[in-house]
């Protein structure tokens, strides 16, 4: 199983987290989305994760991405 982590700009509450979780969950291959509002991070678990689509889902939810760490 693959994992990707994103540091999100503009996420400040559980409503923000829910919006991101919903959008990212719809990307093919995603099996779990863990959002940490305090750390402003999103960790995605799954198979054959497409970085571009994951980033697009976060941006489409209305947030920016500071950087990416692939684990």
Protein backbone atom coordinates (compact mmCIF):
# COMPACT_ATOMS: atom_id res chain seq x y z
CA UNK A 1 0.00 0.00 0.00
CA UNK A 2 1.27 3.44 -0.93
CA UNK A 3 1.10 6.60 1.16
CA UNK A 4 1.32 10.28 0.26
CA UNK A 5 1.26 13.24 2.64
CA UNK A 6 0.33 16.82 1.86
CA UNK A 7 0.71 19.98 3.94
CA UNK A 8 -2.45 21.97 3.31
CA UNK A 9 -2.73 25.76 3.28
CA UNK A 10 -5.97 27.30 4.55
CA UNK A 11 -7.39 24.31 6.45
CA UNK A 12 -8.57 25.49 9.87
CA UNK A 13 -11.55 23.43 11.05
CA UNK A 14 -13.34 20.10 10.88
CA UNK A 15 -15.57 21.40 8.07
CA UNK A 16 -12.42 22.04 6.03
CA UNK A 17 -11.19 18.53 6.85
CA UNK A 18 -14.50 16.99 5.78
CA UNK A 19 -14.41 18.80 2.42
CA UNK A 20 -10.89 17.60 1.73
CA UNK A 21 -11.65 14.07 2.93
CA UNK A 22 -14.69 13.85 0.66
CA UNK A 23 -12.87 15.08 -2.45
CA UNK A 24 -9.72 13.03 -1.98
CA UNK A 25 -11.73 9.88 -1.20
CA UNK A 26 -13.19 10.02 -4.71
CA UNK A 27 -9.77 9.67 -6.38
CA UNK A 28 -9.14 6.20 -7.83
CA UNK A 29 -6.99 3.95 -5.66
CA UNK A 30 -7.60 5.80 -2.39
CA UNK A 31 -8.49 3.49 0.51
CA UNK A 32 -8.08 5.90 3.46
CA UNK A 33 -7.75 9.65 4.00
CA UNK A 34 -6.43 10.89 7.35
CA UNK A 35 -6.80 14.63 7.94
CA UNK A 36 -5.03 16.34 10.85
CA UNK A 37 -6.42 19.87 11.19
CA UNK A 38 -3.93 20.90 13.90
CA UNK A 39 -0.93 19.79 11.80
CA UNK A 40 -2.62 21.02 8.60
CA UNK A 41 -1.79 17.72 6.92
CA UNK A 42 -3.55 15.14 4.80
CA UNK A 43 -2.22 11.59 4.58
CA UNK A 44 -3.59 9.38 1.82
CA UNK A 45 -3.29 5.58 1.78
CA UNK A 46 -4.06 3.41 -1.22
CA UNK A 47 -2.72 1.74 -4.34
CA UNK A 48 -1.47 3.36 -7.54
CA UNK A 49 -2.00 6.84 -6.07
CA UNK A 50 -1.90 9.59 -8.70
CA UNK A 51 -0.16 12.61 -7.16
CA UNK A 52 -1.64 15.02 -9.71
CA UNK A 53 -5.21 13.86 -9.08
CA UNK A 54 -4.74 13.96 -5.31
CA UNK A 55 -3.37 17.50 -5.50
CA UNK A 56 -6.23 18.52 -7.81
CA UNK A 57 -8.81 17.14 -5.37
CA UNK A 58 -7.34 19.22 -2.53
CA UNK A 59 -7.23 22.35 -4.70
CA UNK A 60 -10.79 21.74 -5.96
CA UNK A 61 -11.91 21.58 -2.32
CA UNK A 62 -10.58 25.15 -2.00
CA UNK A 63 -7.19 24.69 -0.35
CA UNK A 64 -3.54 25.07 -1.29
CA UNK A 65 -0.65 22.66 -0.90
CA UNK A 66 2.59 23.80 0.73
CA UNK A 67 4.68 20.75 -0.17
CA UNK A 68 4.49 16.98 -0.57
CA UNK A 69 6.25 14.18 1.24
CA UNK A 70 5.94 10.70 -0.25
CA UNK A 71 6.40 7.93 2.27
